[in-house]
Amino acid sequence: MRELGIQPDDAQCKEMARSCAEACGGSKGSAKLLFEEDMYNIYKLAL
């Protein structure tokens, strides 16, 4: 995300994960279900 000029703080990462989970009905995936905490961790790793 830094390469794109996006530097969300921890609260913004949590909000993005919450929003993503809400948009997909709580979880997403077929091989591995991703939940809000997983999405949050992905956003944090993308920093």
Protein backbone atom coordinates (compact mmCIF):
# COMPACT_ATOMS: atom_id res chain seq x y z
CA MET A 1 0.00 0.00 0.00
CA ARG A 2 2.91 2.35 0.70
CA GLU A 3 3.87 2.23 -2.98
CA LEU A 4 0.40 3.57 -3.76
CA GLY A 5 0.78 6.36 -1.21
CA ILE A 6 -1.73 4.75 1.15
CA GLN A 7 -0.66 4.57 4.79
CA PRO A 8 -3.68 3.63 6.90
CA ASP A 9 -3.31 3.54 10.67
CA ASP A 10 -4.42 0.59 12.78
CA ALA A 11 -7.95 1.93 13.24
CA GLN A 12 -8.35 2.43 9.48
CA CYS A 13 -7.12 -1.14 8.80
CA LYS A 14 -9.71 -2.45 11.28
CA GLU A 15 -12.43 -0.39 9.60
CA MET A 16 -11.43 -1.64 6.13
CA ALA A 17 -11.54 -5.24 7.39
CA ARG A 18 -14.93 -4.67 9.03
CA SER A 19 -16.27 -3.12 5.85
CA CYS A 20 -14.92 -5.96 3.72
CA ALA A 21 -16.40 -8.62 6.00
CA GLU A 22 -19.75 -6.82 6.03
CA ALA A 23 -19.81 -6.54 2.23
CA CYS A 24 -19.15 -10.25 1.72
CA GLY A 25 -21.52 -11.50 4.40
CA GLY A 26 -18.99 -12.15 7.18
CA SER A 27 -16.53 -14.45 5.45
CA LYS A 28 -15.08 -14.97 2.00
CA GLY A 29 -13.29 -17.80 0.26
CA SER A 30 -13.75 -21.38 -0.80
CA ALA A 31 -10.38 -23.08 -0.23
CA LYS A 32 -9.80 -21.08 3.00
CA LEU A 33 -12.50 -19.05 4.65
CA LEU A 34 -11.33 -15.57 5.53
CA PHE A 35 -12.96 -13.78 8.42
CA GLU A 36 -12.69 -10.17 9.55
CA GLU A 37 -9.55 -10.85 11.66
CA ASP A 38 -7.89 -12.54 8.66
CA MET A 39 -8.74 -9.57 6.45
CA TYR A 40 -7.32 -7.20 9.06
CA ASN A 41 -4.07 -9.20 9.20
CA ILE A 42 -3.81 -9.12 5.39
CA TYR A 43 -4.19 -5.33 5.39
CA LYS A 44 -1.52 -5.00 8.10
CA LEU A 45 0.89 -7.23 6.16
CA ALA A 46 0.29 -5.18 3.01
CA LEU A 47 1.75 -2.11 4.73
